[in-house]
PDB file of N, CA and C in Angstrom:
ATOM      1  N   MET A   1       4.702  16.215  -9.345  1.00  0.00           N
ATOM      2  CA  MET A   1       3.386  15.832  -8.886  1.00  0.00           C
ATOM      3  C   MET A   1       2.674  17.095  -8.409  1.00  0.00           C
ATOM      4  N   THR A   2       1.448  17.294  -8.856  1.00  0.00           N
ATOM      5  CA  THR A   2       0.706  18.478  -8.457  1.00  0.00           C
ATOM      6  C   THR A   2       0.224  18.334  -7.027  1.00  0.00           C
ATOM      7  N   PRO A   3       0.005  19.464  -6.340  1.00  0.00           N
ATOM      8  CA  PRO A   3      -0.466  19.399  -4.956  1.00  0.00           C
ATOM      9  C   PRO A   3      -1.783  18.640  -4.829  1.00  0.00           C
ATOM     10  N   TYR A   4      -2.639  18.723  -5.846  1.00  0.00           N
ATOM     11  CA  TYR A   4      -3.931  18.040  -5.769  1.00  0.00           C
ATOM     12  C   TYR A   4      -3.787  16.525  -5.808  1.00  0.00           C
ATOM     13  N   ARG A   5      -2.754  16.015  -6.432  1.00  0.00           N
ATOM     14  CA  ARG A   5      -2.557  14.568  -6.494  1.00  0.00           C
ATOM     15  C   ARG A   5      -1.935  14.040  -5.204  1.00  0.00           C
ATOM     16  N   ILE A   6      -1.195  14.868  -4.488  1.00  0.00           N
ATOM     17  CA  ILE A   6      -0.547  14.410  -3.267  1.00  0.00           C
ATOM     18  C   ILE A   6      -1.465  14.550  -2.049  1.00  0.00           C
ATOM     19  N   LEU A   7      -2.492  15.411  -2.129  1.00  0.00           N
ATOM     20  CA  LEU A   7      -3.385  15.621  -1.003  1.00  0.00           C
ATOM     21  C   LEU A   7      -4.044  14.343  -0.489  1.00  0.00           C
ATOM     22  N   PRO A   8      -4.570  13.465  -1.362  1.00  0.00           N
ATOM     23  CA  PRO A   8      -5.178  12.241  -0.825  1.00  0.00           C
ATOM     24  C   PRO A   8      -4.188  11.383  -0.042  1.00  0.00           C
ATOM     25  N   VAL A   9      -2.950  11.303  -0.494  1.00  0.00           N
ATOM     26  CA  VAL A   9      -1.948  10.507   0.211  1.00  0.00           C
ATOM     27  C   VAL A   9      -1.611  11.157   1.544  1.00  0.00           C
ATOM     28  N   LEU A  10      -1.461  12.479   1.563  1.00  0.00           N
ATOM     29  CA  LEU A  10      -1.170  13.172   2.815  1.00  0.00           C
ATOM     30  C   LEU A  10      -2.328  13.040   3.794  1.00  0.00           C
ATOM     31  N   ALA A  11      -3.547  13.165   3.294  1.00  0.00           N
ATOM     32  CA  ALA A  11      -4.710  13.024   4.165  1.00  0.00           C
ATOM     33  C   ALA A  11      -4.765  11.624   4.747  1.00  0.00           C
ATOM     34  N   LEU A  12      -4.488  10.645   3.915  1.00  0.00           N
ATOM     35  CA  LEU A  12      -4.477   9.263   4.383  1.00  0.00           C
ATOM     36  C   LEU A  12      -3.416   9.070   5.456  1.00  0.00           C
ATOM     37  N   ALA A  13      -2.240   9.578   5.236  1.00  0.00           N
ATOM     38  CA  ALA A  13      -1.147   9.397   6.182  1.00  0.00           C
ATOM     39  C   ALA A  13      -1.419  10.101   7.511  1.00  0.00           C
ATOM     40  N   THR A  14      -2.024  11.278   7.476  1.00  0.00           N
ATOM     41  CA  THR A  14      -2.257  12.004   8.726  1.00  0.00           C
ATOM     42  C   THR A  14      -3.466  11.478   9.476  1.00  0.00           C
ATOM     43  N   CYS A  15      -4.418  10.904   8.791  1.00  0.00           N
ATOM     44  CA  CYS A  15      -5.624  10.398   9.448  1.00  0.00           C
ATOM     45  C   CYS A  15      -5.470   8.978   9.949  1.00  0.00           C
ATOM     46  N   PHE A  16      -4.432   8.304   9.541  1.00  0.00           N
ATOM     47  CA  PHE A  16      -4.283   6.894   9.865  1.00  0.00           C
ATOM     48  C   PHE A  16      -3.725   6.740  11.272  1.00  0.00           C
ATOM     49  N   ALA A  17      -4.584   6.438  12.244  1.00  0.00           N
ATOM     50  CA  ALA A  17      -4.132   6.332  13.630  1.00  0.00           C
ATOM     51  C   ALA A  17      -3.938   4.888  14.065  1.00  0.00           C
ATOM     52  N   GLN A  18      -4.672   3.948  13.468  1.00  0.00           N
ATOM     53  CA  GLN A  18      -4.566   2.541  13.826  1.00  0.00           C
ATOM     54  C   GLN A  18      -4.542   1.735  12.552  1.00  0.00           C
ATOM     55  N   PRO A  19      -3.992   0.485  12.624  1.00  0.00           N
ATOM     56  CA  PRO A  19      -4.017  -0.334  11.421  1.00  0.00           C
ATOM     57  C   PRO A  19      -5.434  -0.788  11.108  1.00  0.00           C
ATOM     58  N   ALA A  20      -6.149  -0.046  10.309  1.00  0.00           N
ATOM     59  CA  ALA A  20      -7.501  -0.404   9.896  1.00  0.00           C
ATOM     60  C   ALA A  20      -7.495  -0.474   8.379  1.00  0.00           C
ATOM     61  N   TRP A  21      -7.321  -1.666   7.851  1.00  0.00           N
ATOM     62  CA  TRP A  21      -7.156  -1.842   6.408  1.00  0.00           C
ATOM     63  C   TRP A  21      -8.326  -1.313   5.613  1.00  0.00           C
ATOM     64  N   ALA A  22      -9.477  -1.187   6.243  1.00  0.00           N
ATOM     65  CA  ALA A  22     -10.637  -0.670   5.534  1.00  0.00           C
ATOM     66  C   ALA A  22     -10.410   0.758   5.075  1.00  0.00           C
ATOM     67  N   GLN A  23      -9.503   1.472   5.720  1.00  0.00           N
ATOM     68  CA  GLN A  23      -9.278   2.868   5.388  1.00  0.00           C
ATOM     69  C   GLN A  23      -8.077   3.078   4.485  1.00  0.00           C
ATOM     70  N   ILE A  24      -7.333   2.032   4.181  1.00  0.00           N
ATOM     71  CA  ILE A  24      -6.135   2.191   3.370  1.00  0.00           C
ATOM     72  C   ILE A  24      -6.459   1.939   1.911  1.00  0.00           C
ATOM     73  N   ASN A  25      -6.206   2.914   1.095  1.00  0.00           N
ATOM     74  CA  ASN A  25      -6.326   2.749  -0.341  1.00  0.00           C
ATOM     75  C   ASN A  25      -5.272   3.639  -0.971  1.00  0.00           C
ATOM     76  N   PRO A  26      -4.080   3.089  -1.238  1.00  0.00           N
ATOM     77  CA  PRO A  26      -3.035   3.928  -1.807  1.00  0.00           C
ATOM     78  C   PRO A  26      -3.310   4.348  -3.238  1.00  0.00           C
ATOM     79  N   PHE A  27      -4.431   3.906  -3.803  1.00  0.00           N
ATOM     80  CA  PHE A  27      -4.757   4.245  -5.182  1.00  0.00           C
ATOM     81  C   PHE A  27      -5.891   5.254  -5.278  1.00  0.00           C
ATOM     82  N   VAL A  28      -6.187   5.954  -4.192  1.00  0.00           N
ATOM     83  CA  VAL A  28      -7.229   6.970  -4.203  1.00  0.00           C
ATOM     84  C   VAL A  28      -6.919   7.982  -5.296  1.00  0.00           C
ATOM     85  N   GLY A  29      -7.905   8.289  -6.089  1.00  0.00           N
ATOM     86  CA  GLY A  29      -7.729   9.280  -7.134  1.00  0.00           C
ATOM     87  C   GLY A  29      -7.101   8.739  -8.411  1.00  0.00           C
ATOM     88  N   SER A  30      -6.827   7.426  -8.468  1.00  0.00           N
ATOM     89  CA  SER A  30      -6.236   6.876  -9.690  1.00  0.00           C
ATOM     90  C   SER A  30      -7.329   6.648 -10.727  1.00  0.00           C
ATOM     91  N   ALA A  31      -6.908   6.381 -11.942  1.00  0.00           N
ATOM     92  CA  ALA A  31      -7.853   6.167 -13.031  1.00  0.00           C
ATOM     93  C   ALA A  31      -8.390   4.742 -13.053  1.00  0.00           C
ATOM     94  N   SER A  32      -7.888   3.872 -12.199  1.00  0.00           N
ATOM     95  CA  SER A  32      -8.365   2.493 -12.192  1.00  0.00           C
ATOM     96  C   SER A  32      -9.719   2.417 -11.501  1.00  0.00           C
ATOM     97  N   GLN A  33     -10.350   1.255 -11.606  1.00  0.00           N
ATOM     98  CA  GLN A  33     -11.641   1.073 -10.971  1.00  0.00           C
ATOM     99  C   GLN A  33     -11.490   1.150  -9.463  1.00  0.00           C
ATOM    100  N   PRO A  34     -12.516   1.625  -8.764  1.00  0.00           N
ATOM    101  CA  PRO A  34     -12.439   1.713  -7.308  1.00  0.00           C
ATOM    102  C   PRO A  34     -12.218   0.334  -6.686  1.00  0.00           C
ATOM    103  N   MET A  35     -11.464   0.311  -5.613  1.00  0.00           N
ATOM    104  CA  MET A  35     -11.205  -0.936  -4.926  1.00  0.00           C
ATOM    105  C   MET A  35     -12.331  -1.220  -3.945  1.00  0.00           C
ATOM    106  N   THR A  36     -12.726  -2.491  -3.858  1.00  0.00           N
ATOM    107  CA  THR A  36     -13.757  -2.898  -2.915  1.00  0.00           C
ATOM    108  C   THR A  36     -13.125  -3.177  -1.563  1.00  0.00           C
ATOM    109  N   GLN A  37     -13.950  -3.380  -0.558  1.00  0.00           N
ATOM    110  CA  GLN A  37     -13.445  -3.722   0.764  1.00  0.00           C
ATOM    111  C   GLN A  37     -12.648  -5.022   0.713  1.00  0.00           C
ATOM    112  N   ASP A  38     -13.112  -6.006  -0.060  1.00  0.00           N
ATOM    113  CA  ASP A  38     -12.367  -7.265  -0.196  1.00  0.00           C
ATOM    114  C   ASP A  38     -11.013  -7.048  -0.856  1.00  0.00           C
ATOM    115  N   ASP A  39     -10.952  -6.144  -1.850  1.00  0.00           N
ATOM    116  CA  ASP A  39      -9.674  -5.801  -2.479  1.00  0.00           C
ATOM    117  C   ASP A  39      -8.715  -5.225  -1.431  1.00  0.00           C
ATOM    118  N   LEU A  40      -9.231  -4.291  -0.631  1.00  0.00           N
ATOM    119  CA  LEU A  40      -8.400  -3.641   0.389  1.00  0.00           C
ATOM    120  C   LEU A  40      -7.941  -4.642   1.445  1.00  0.00           C
ATOM    121  N   ASP A  41      -8.810  -5.584   1.797  1.00  0.00           N
ATOM    122  CA  ASP A  41      -8.424  -6.612   2.771  1.00  0.00           C
ATOM    123  C   ASP A  41      -7.286  -7.469   2.227  1.00  0.00           C
ATOM    124  N   ALA A  42      -7.371  -7.843   0.942  1.00  0.00           N
ATOM    125  CA  ALA A  42      -6.315  -8.656   0.323  1.00  0.00           C
ATOM    126  C   ALA A  42      -5.008  -7.865   0.237  1.00  0.00           C
ATOM    127  N   LEU A  43      -5.098  -6.593  -0.127  1.00  0.00           N
ATOM    128  CA  LEU A  43      -3.919  -5.730  -0.200  1.00  0.00           C
ATOM    129  C   LEU A  43      -3.303  -5.555   1.186  1.00  0.00           C
ATOM    130  N   GLY A  44      -4.130  -5.360   2.200  1.00  0.00           N
ATOM    131  CA  GLY A  44      -3.637  -5.209   3.567  1.00  0.00           C
ATOM    132  C   GLY A  44      -2.959  -6.461   4.081  1.00  0.00           C
ATOM    133  N   ALA A  45      -3.532  -7.611   3.780  1.00  0.00           N
ATOM    134  CA  ALA A  45      -2.923  -8.872   4.212  1.00  0.00           C
ATOM    135  C   ALA A  45      -1.561  -9.072   3.549  1.00  0.00           C
ATOM    136  N   ALA A  46      -1.448  -8.707   2.272  1.00  0.00           N
ATOM    137  CA  ALA A  46      -0.164  -8.829   1.573  1.00  0.00           C
ATOM    138  C   ALA A  46       0.870  -7.884   2.171  1.00  0.00           C
ATOM    139  N   THR A  47       0.439  -6.676   2.537  1.00  0.00           N
ATOM    140  CA  THR A  47       1.356  -5.717   3.158  1.00  0.00           C
ATOM    141  C   THR A  47       1.862  -6.254   4.493  1.00  0.00           C
ATOM    142  N   THR A  48       0.970  -6.803   5.293  1.00  0.00           N
ATOM    143  CA  THR A  48       1.354  -7.358   6.589  1.00  0.00           C
ATOM    144  C   THR A  48       2.318  -8.521   6.422  1.00  0.00           C
ATOM    145  N   ARG A  49       2.026  -9.417   5.481  1.00  0.00           N
ATOM    146  CA  ARG A  49       2.933 -10.553   5.235  1.00  0.00           C
ATOM    147  C   ARG A  49       4.319 -10.056   4.847  1.00  0.00           C
ATOM    148  N   LEU A  50       4.370  -9.046   3.994  1.00  0.00           N
ATOM    149  CA  LEU A  50       5.650  -8.508   3.540  1.00  0.00           C
ATOM    150  C   LEU A  50       6.415  -7.877   4.699  1.00  0.00           C
ATOM    151  N   LEU A  51       5.780  -6.978   5.423  1.00  0.00           N
ATOM    152  CA  LEU A  51       6.467  -6.249   6.491  1.00  0.00           C
ATOM    153  C   LEU A  51       6.875  -7.146   7.652  1.00  0.00           C
ATOM    154  N   ASP A  52       6.159  -8.227   7.866  1.00  0.00           N
ATOM    155  CA  ASP A  52       6.475  -9.124   8.976  1.00  0.00           C
ATOM    156  C   ASP A  52       7.498 -10.197   8.619  1.00  0.00           C
ATOM    157  N   ARG A  53       8.017 -10.176   7.415  1.00  0.00           N
ATOM    158  CA  ARG A  53       9.045 -11.159   7.036  1.00  0.00           C
ATOM    159  C   ARG A  53      10.321 -10.962   7.842  1.00  0.00           C
ATOM    160  N   ASP A  54      10.941 -12.074   8.221  1.00  0.00           N
ATOM    161  CA  ASP A  54      12.276 -11.999   8.815  1.00  0.00           C
ATOM    162  C   ASP A  54      13.265 -11.669   7.705  1.00  0.00           C
ATOM    163  N   ASN A  55      14.228 -10.826   7.996  1.00  0.00           N
ATOM    164  CA  ASN A  55      15.288 -10.466   7.045  1.00  0.00           C
ATOM    165  C   ASN A  55      14.729  -9.949   5.720  1.00  0.00           C
ATOM    166  N   LEU A  56      13.768  -9.047   5.782  1.00  0.00           N
ATOM    167  CA  LEU A  56      13.186  -8.463   4.577  1.00  0.00           C
ATOM    168  C   LEU A  56      14.236  -7.635   3.851  1.00  0.00           C
ATOM    169  N   VAL A  57      14.385  -7.868   2.565  1.00  0.00           N
ATOM    170  CA  VAL A  57      15.351  -7.126   1.759  1.00  0.00           C
ATOM    171  C   VAL A  57      14.610  -6.293   0.714  1.00  0.00           C
ATOM    172  N   PRO A  58      15.219  -5.170   0.287  1.00  0.00           N
ATOM    173  CA  PRO A  58      14.595  -4.390  -0.780  1.00  0.00           C
ATOM    174  C   PRO A  58      14.351  -5.271  -1.997  1.00  0.00           C
ATOM    175  N   GLY A  59      13.189  -5.120  -2.584  1.00  0.00           N
ATOM    176  CA  GLY A  59      12.818  -5.928  -3.743  1.00  0.00           C
ATOM    177  C   GLY A  59      11.958  -7.127  -3.383  1.00  0.00           C
ATOM    178  N   GLY A  60      11.818  -7.418  -2.077  1.00  0.00           N
ATOM    179  CA  GLY A  60      10.925  -8.498  -1.661  1.00  0.00           C
ATOM    180  C   GLY A  60       9.502  -8.175  -2.090  1.00  0.00           C
ATOM    181  N   ILE A  61       8.790  -9.175  -2.589  1.00  0.00           N
ATOM    182  CA  ILE A  61       7.458  -8.945  -3.158  1.00  0.00           C
ATOM    183  C   ILE A  61       6.436  -9.889  -2.541  1.00  0.00           C
ATOM    184  N   GLU A  62       5.251  -9.359  -2.321  1.00  0.00           N
ATOM    185  CA  GLU A  62       4.066 -10.148  -1.993  1.00  0.00           C
ATOM    186  C   GLU A  62       3.023  -9.799  -3.043  1.00  0.00           C
ATOM    187  N   THR A  63       2.275 -10.789  -3.455  1.00  0.00           N
ATOM    188  CA  THR A  63       1.185 -10.543  -4.400  1.00  0.00           C
ATOM    189  C   THR A  63      -0.145 -10.660  -3.656  1.00  0.00           C
ATOM    190  N   TRP A  64      -1.156 -10.049  -4.225  1.00  0.00           N
ATOM    191  CA  TRP A  64      -2.502 -10.179  -3.685  1.00  0.00           C
ATOM    192  C   TRP A  64      -3.485 -10.279  -4.830  1.00  0.00           C
ATOM    193  N   GLN A  65      -4.632 -10.888  -4.528  1.00  0.00           N
ATOM    194  CA  GLN A  65      -5.678 -11.022  -5.538  1.00  0.00           C
ATOM    195  C   GLN A  65      -7.011 -11.186  -4.835  1.00  0.00           C
ATOM    196  N   ASP A  66      -8.021 -10.572  -5.400  1.00  0.00           N
ATOM    197  CA  ASP A  66      -9.385 -10.758  -4.927  1.00  0.00           C
ATOM    198  C   ASP A  66     -10.124 -11.538  -6.016  1.00  0.00           C
ATOM    199  N   PRO A  67     -10.396 -12.825  -5.773  1.00  0.00           N
ATOM    200  CA  PRO A  67     -11.051 -13.632  -6.807  1.00  0.00           C
ATOM    201  C   PRO A  67     -12.455 -13.138  -7.159  1.00  0.00           C
ATOM    202  N   LYS A  68     -13.101 -12.409  -6.244  1.00  0.00           N
ATOM    203  CA  LYS A  68     -14.456 -11.915  -6.521  1.00  0.00           C
ATOM    204  C   LYS A  68     -14.459 -10.833  -7.597  1.00  0.00           C
ATOM    205  N   THR A  69     -13.476  -9.928  -7.529  1.00  0.00           N
ATOM    206  CA  THR A  69     -13.462  -8.794  -8.463  1.00  0.00           C
ATOM    207  C   THR A  69     -12.425  -8.951  -9.573  1.00  0.00           C
ATOM    208  N   GLY A  70     -11.471  -9.841  -9.362  1.00  0.00           N
ATOM    209  CA  GLY A  70     -10.388  -9.992 -10.334  1.00  0.00           C
ATOM    210  C   GLY A  70      -9.262  -9.003 -10.108  1.00  0.00           C
ATOM    211  N   ALA A  71      -9.416  -8.122  -9.137  1.00  0.00           N
ATOM    212  CA  ALA A  71      -8.360  -7.153  -8.845  1.00  0.00           C
ATOM    213  C   ALA A  71      -7.159  -7.880  -8.254  1.00  0.00           C
ATOM    214  N   SER A  72      -5.975  -7.375  -8.569  1.00  0.00           N
ATOM    215  CA  SER A  72      -4.751  -7.979  -8.050  1.00  0.00           C
ATOM    216  C   SER A  72      -3.648  -6.942  -8.085  1.00  0.00           C
ATOM    217  N   GLY A  73      -2.524  -7.306  -7.505  1.00  0.00           N
ATOM    218  CA  GLY A  73      -1.401  -6.389  -7.529  1.00  0.00           C
ATOM    219  C   GLY A  73      -0.230  -6.946  -6.755  1.00  0.00           C
ATOM    220  N   THR A  74       0.775  -6.105  -6.599  1.00  0.00           N
ATOM    221  CA  THR A  74       1.970  -6.477  -5.861  1.00  0.00           C
ATOM    222  C   THR A  74       2.275  -5.421  -4.812  1.00  0.00           C
ATOM    223  N   VAL A  75       2.943  -5.885  -3.777  1.00  0.00           N
ATOM    224  CA  VAL A  75       3.437  -5.028  -2.706  1.00  0.00           C
ATOM    225  C   VAL A  75       4.931  -5.319  -2.641  1.00  0.00           C
ATOM    226  N   THR A  76       5.755  -4.306  -2.889  1.00  0.00           N
ATOM    227  CA  THR A  76       7.201  -4.495  -2.981  1.00  0.00           C
ATOM    228  C   THR A  76       7.920  -3.675  -1.912  1.00  0.00           C
ATOM    229  N   ALA A  77       8.846  -4.329  -1.221  1.00  0.00           N
ATOM    230  CA  ALA A  77       9.633  -3.642  -0.201  1.00  0.00           C
ATOM    231  C   ALA A  77      10.676  -2.753  -0.854  1.00  0.00           C
ATOM    232  N   GLY A  78      10.739  -1.534  -0.382  1.00  0.00           N
ATOM    233  CA  GLY A  78      11.785  -0.617  -0.804  1.00  0.00           C
ATOM    234  C   GLY A  78      12.864  -0.569   0.252  1.00  0.00           C
ATOM    235  N   SER A  79      13.585   0.504   0.267  1.00  0.00           N
ATOM    236  CA  SER A  79      14.705   0.666   1.194  1.00  0.00           C
ATOM    237  C   SER A  79      14.221   0.884   2.620  1.00  0.00           C
ATOM    238  N   PRO A  80      15.000   0.394   3.592  1.00  0.00           N
ATOM    239  CA  PRO A  80      14.695   0.734   4.979  1.00  0.00           C
ATOM    240  C   PRO A  80      15.117   2.179   5.241  1.00  0.00           C
ATOM    241  N   VAL A  81      14.342   2.873   6.071  1.00  0.00           N
ATOM    242  CA  VAL A  81      14.637   4.255   6.441  1.00  0.00           C
ATOM    243  C   VAL A  81      14.336   4.433   7.922  1.00  0.00           C
ATOM    244  N   LYS A  82      14.799   5.531   8.491  1.00  0.00           N
ATOM    245  CA  LYS A  82      14.496   5.890   9.879  1.00  0.00           C
ATOM    246  C   LYS A  82      13.606   7.122   9.857  1.00  0.00           C
ATOM    247  N   ARG A  83      12.561   7.114  10.674  1.00  0.00           N
ATOM    248  CA  ARG A  83      11.684   8.268  10.832  1.00  0.00           C
ATOM    249  C   ARG A  83      11.388   8.435  12.314  1.00  0.00           C
ATOM    250  N   LYS A  84      11.744   9.570  12.859  1.00  0.00           N
ATOM    251  CA  LYS A  84      11.467   9.882  14.266  1.00  0.00           C
ATOM    252  C   LYS A  84      11.900   8.748  15.195  1.00  0.00           C
ATOM    253  N   GLY A  85      13.042   8.143  14.895  1.00  0.00           N
ATOM    254  CA  GLY A  85      13.585   7.091  15.736  1.00  0.00           C
ATOM    255  C   GLY A  85      13.033   5.700  15.480  1.00  0.00           C
ATOM    256  N   TYR A  86      12.092   5.569  14.554  1.00  0.00           N
ATOM    257  CA  TYR A  86      11.491   4.277  14.249  1.00  0.00           C
ATOM    258  C   TYR A  86      12.145   3.666  13.011  1.00  0.00           C
ATOM    259  N   ASP A  87      12.223   2.342  12.995  1.00  0.00           N
ATOM    260  CA  ASP A  87      12.643   1.627  11.795  1.00  0.00           C
ATOM    261  C   ASP A  87      11.452   1.595  10.848  1.00  0.00           C
ATOM    262  N   CYS A  88      11.687   2.064   9.644  1.00  0.00           N
ATOM    263  CA  CYS A  88      10.604   2.169   8.662  1.00  0.00           C
ATOM    264  C   CYS A  88      11.012   1.490   7.366  1.00  0.00           C
ATOM    265  N   ARG A  89      10.046   1.319   6.505  1.00  0.00           N
ATOM    266  CA  ARG A  89      10.278   0.676   5.222  1.00  0.00           C
ATOM    267  C   ARG A  89       9.399   1.351   4.181  1.00  0.00           C
ATOM    268  N   ILE A  90      10.007   1.726   3.072  1.00  0.00           N
ATOM    269  CA  ILE A  90       9.238   2.230   1.937  1.00  0.00           C
ATOM    270  C   ILE A  90       8.588   1.019   1.274  1.00  0.00           C
ATOM    271  N   VAL A  91       7.308   1.150   0.954  1.00  0.00           N
ATOM    272  CA  VAL A  91       6.573   0.071   0.309  1.00  0.00           C
ATOM    273  C   VAL A  91       5.952   0.629  -0.964  1.00  0.00           C
ATOM    274  N   VAL A  92       6.146  -0.086  -2.067  1.00  0.00           N
ATOM    275  CA  VAL A  92       5.604   0.326  -3.357  1.00  0.00           C
ATOM    276  C   VAL A  92       4.465  -0.621  -3.722  1.00  0.00           C
ATOM    277  N   TYR A  93       3.318  -0.037  -4.024  1.00  0.00           N
ATOM    278  CA  TYR A  93       2.133  -0.803  -4.401  1.00  0.00           C
ATOM    279  C   TYR A  93       1.914  -0.661  -5.896  1.00  0.00           C
ATOM    280  N   GLN A  94       1.643  -1.767  -6.548  1.00  0.00           N
ATOM    281  CA  GLN A  94       1.268  -1.716  -7.955  1.00  0.00           C
ATOM    282  C   GLN A  94      -0.018  -2.506  -8.097  1.00  0.00           C
ATOM    283  N   ASN A  95      -1.024  -1.840  -8.615  1.00  0.00           N
ATOM    284  CA  ASN A  95      -2.360  -2.392  -8.738  1.00  0.00           C
ATOM    285  C   ASN A  95      -2.646  -2.708 -10.195  1.00  0.00           C
ATOM    286  N   SER A  96      -2.953  -3.954 -10.485  1.00  0.00           N
ATOM    287  CA  SER A  96      -3.302  -4.330 -11.853  1.00  0.00           C
ATOM    288  C   SER A  96      -4.712  -3.849 -12.152  1.00  0.00           C
ATOM    289  N   PRO A  97      -4.940  -3.304 -13.334  1.00  0.00           N
ATOM    290  CA  PRO A  97      -6.287  -2.846 -13.671  1.00  0.00           C
ATOM    291  C   PRO A  97      -7.229  -4.045 -13.789  1.00  0.00           C
ATOM    292  N   THR A  98      -8.468  -3.852 -13.381  1.00  0.00           N
ATOM    293  CA  THR A  98      -9.442  -4.936 -13.471  1.00  0.00           C
ATOM    294  C   THR A  98     -10.262  -4.847 -14.744  1.00  0.00           C
ATOM    295  N   ALA A  99     -10.270  -3.701 -15.394  1.00  0.00           N
ATOM    296  CA  ALA A  99     -11.033  -3.558 -16.633  1.00  0.00           C
ATOM    297  C   ALA A  99     -10.158  -3.926 -17.827  1.00  0.00           C
ATOM    298  N   ALA A 100     -10.790  -4.404 -18.874  1.00  0.00           N
ATOM    299  CA  ALA A 100     -10.042  -4.764 -20.080  1.00  0.00           C
ATOM    300  C   ALA A 100      -9.550  -3.504 -20.778  1.00  0.00           C
ATOM    301  N   GLY A 101      -8.489  -3.642 -21.519  1.00  0.00           N
ATOM    302  CA  GLY A 101      -7.975  -2.523 -22.286  1.00  0.00           C
ATOM    303  C   GLY A 101      -6.655  -2.021 -21.730  1.00  0.00           C
ATOM    304  N   PRO A 102      -5.881  -1.341 -22.582  1.00  0.00           N
ATOM    305  CA  PRO A 102      -4.573  -0.863 -22.142  1.00  0.00           C
ATOM    306  C   PRO A 102      -4.690   0.353 -21.238  1.00  0.00           C
ATOM    307  N   ARG A 103      -4.167   0.211 -20.042  1.00  0.00           N
ATOM    308  CA  ARG A 103      -4.069   1.339 -19.108  1.00  0.00           C
ATOM    309  C   ARG A 103      -2.782   1.168 -18.324  1.00  0.00           C
ATOM    310  N   ALA A 104      -2.240   2.278 -17.903  1.00  0.00           N
ATOM    311  CA  ALA A 104      -1.036   2.204 -17.061  1.00  0.00           C
ATOM    312  C   ALA A 104      -1.411   1.574 -15.726  1.00  0.00           C
ATOM    313  N   LEU A 105      -0.499   0.789 -15.192  1.00  0.00           N
ATOM    314  CA  LEU A 105      -0.735   0.194 -13.885  1.00  0.00           C
ATOM    315  C   LEU A 105      -0.527   1.258 -12.814  1.00  0.00           C
ATOM    316  N   PRO A 106      -1.564   1.559 -12.026  1.00  0.00           N
ATOM    317  CA  PRO A 106      -1.408   2.575 -10.991  1.00  0.00           C
ATOM    318  C   PRO A 106      -0.406   2.117  -9.932  1.00  0.00           C
ATOM    319  N   THR A 107       0.432   3.020  -9.513  1.00  0.00           N
ATOM    320  CA  THR A 107       1.387   2.705  -8.450  1.00  0.00           C
ATOM    321  C   THR A 107       1.258   3.752  -7.355  1.00  0.00           C
ATOM    322  N   ALA A 108       1.607   3.347  -6.161  1.00  0.00           N
ATOM    323  CA  ALA A 108       1.627   4.245  -5.017  1.00  0.00           C
ATOM    324  C   ALA A 108       2.796   3.846  -4.142  1.00  0.00           C
ATOM    325  N   ARG A 109       3.258   4.789  -3.351  1.00  0.00           N
ATOM    326  CA  ARG A 109       4.424   4.571  -2.490  1.00  0.00           C
ATOM    327  C   ARG A 109       4.083   5.107  -1.105  1.00  0.00           C
ATOM    328  N   LEU A 110       4.215   4.256  -0.097  1.00  0.00           N
ATOM    329  CA  LEU A 110       3.968   4.660   1.285  1.00  0.00           C
ATOM    330  C   LEU A 110       5.156   4.239   2.140  1.00  0.00           C
ATOM    331  N   THR A 111       5.364   4.946   3.239  1.00  0.00           N
ATOM    332  CA  THR A 111       6.396   4.566   4.197  1.00  0.00           C
ATOM    333  C   THR A 111       5.701   4.047   5.444  1.00  0.00           C
ATOM    334  N   TRP A 112       6.053   2.815   5.825  1.00  0.00           N
ATOM    335  CA  TRP A 112       5.497   2.165   7.013  1.00  0.00           C
ATOM    336  C   TRP A 112       6.573   2.122   8.084  1.00  0.00           C
ATOM    337  N   CYS A 113       6.190   2.442   9.336  1.00  0.00           N
ATOM    338  CA  CYS A 113       7.133   2.432  10.459  1.00  0.00           C
ATOM    339  C   CYS A 113       6.671   1.446  11.518  1.00  0.00           C
ATOM    340  N   LYS A 114       7.625   0.711  12.069  1.00  0.00           N
ATOM    341  CA  LYS A 114       7.347  -0.260  13.129  1.00  0.00           C
ATOM    342  C   LYS A 114       7.297   0.482  14.452  1.00  0.00           C
ATOM    343  N   THR A 115       6.122   0.512  15.081  1.00  0.00           N
ATOM    344  CA  THR A 115       5.930   1.182  16.356  1.00  0.00           C
ATOM    345  C   THR A 115       5.600   0.121  17.414  1.00  0.00           C
ATOM    346  N   PRO A 116       5.584   0.492  18.673  1.00  0.00           N
ATOM    347  CA  PRO A 116       5.190  -0.477  19.700  1.00  0.00           C
ATOM    348  C   PRO A 116       3.778  -1.028  19.483  1.00  0.00           C
ATOM    349  N   ASP A 117       2.939  -0.273  18.765  1.00  0.00           N
ATOM    350  CA  ASP A 117       1.567  -0.709  18.483  1.00  0.00           C
ATOM    351  C   ASP A 117       1.422  -1.404  17.135  1.00  0.00           C
ATOM    352  N   GLY A 118       2.540  -1.677  16.458  1.00  0.00           N
ATOM    353  CA  GLY A 118       2.489  -2.329  15.150  1.00  0.00           C
ATOM    354  C   GLY A 118       2.919  -1.386  14.044  1.00  0.00           C
ATOM    355  N   TRP A 119       2.723  -1.817  12.811  1.00  0.00           N
ATOM    356  CA  TRP A 119       3.113  -1.024  11.651  1.00  0.00           C
ATOM    357  C   TRP A 119       2.131   0.106  11.434  1.00  0.00           C
ATOM    358  N   LYS A 120       2.659   1.312  11.219  1.00  0.00           N
ATOM    359  CA  LYS A 120       1.841   2.507  10.975  1.00  0.00           C
ATOM    360  C   LYS A 120       2.442   3.277   9.798  1.00  0.00           C
ATOM    361  N   ILE A 121       1.602   3.996   9.092  1.00  0.00           N
ATOM    362  CA  ILE A 121       2.098   4.842   8.014  1.00  0.00           C
ATOM    363  C   ILE A 121       2.854   5.993   8.649  1.00  0.00           C
ATOM    364  N   GLY A 122       4.116   6.160   8.199  1.00  0.00           N
ATOM    365  CA  GLY A 122       4.982   7.176   8.810  1.00  0.00           C
ATOM    366  C   GLY A 122       5.148   8.404   7.980  1.00  0.00           C
TER     367      GLY A 122
END
């Protein structure tokens, strides 16, 4: 991965101080159509549902869809990890393209950590 492709993810991770779904877009810089605020809200709700599951196991999936735009995707739990003493979880996002035609499904990977203030990007 080139440094230019990782910069948006690093910027997102370092700037994320509170759970504000309006600012989360793991597909920044992808070739897919830009996500709307409603898309991001649906993606954020799916992430919260997934991370808040009791006994979450790797491979657990939540789906999301925005009926207004047709955008949809999946949020998949990866392996649990520890970061700076916090219990964390790798989460893989796969966004279905909203435009017709063959395109690769954009994917992104973020690590979320459970803090006293809730889930944060770690």
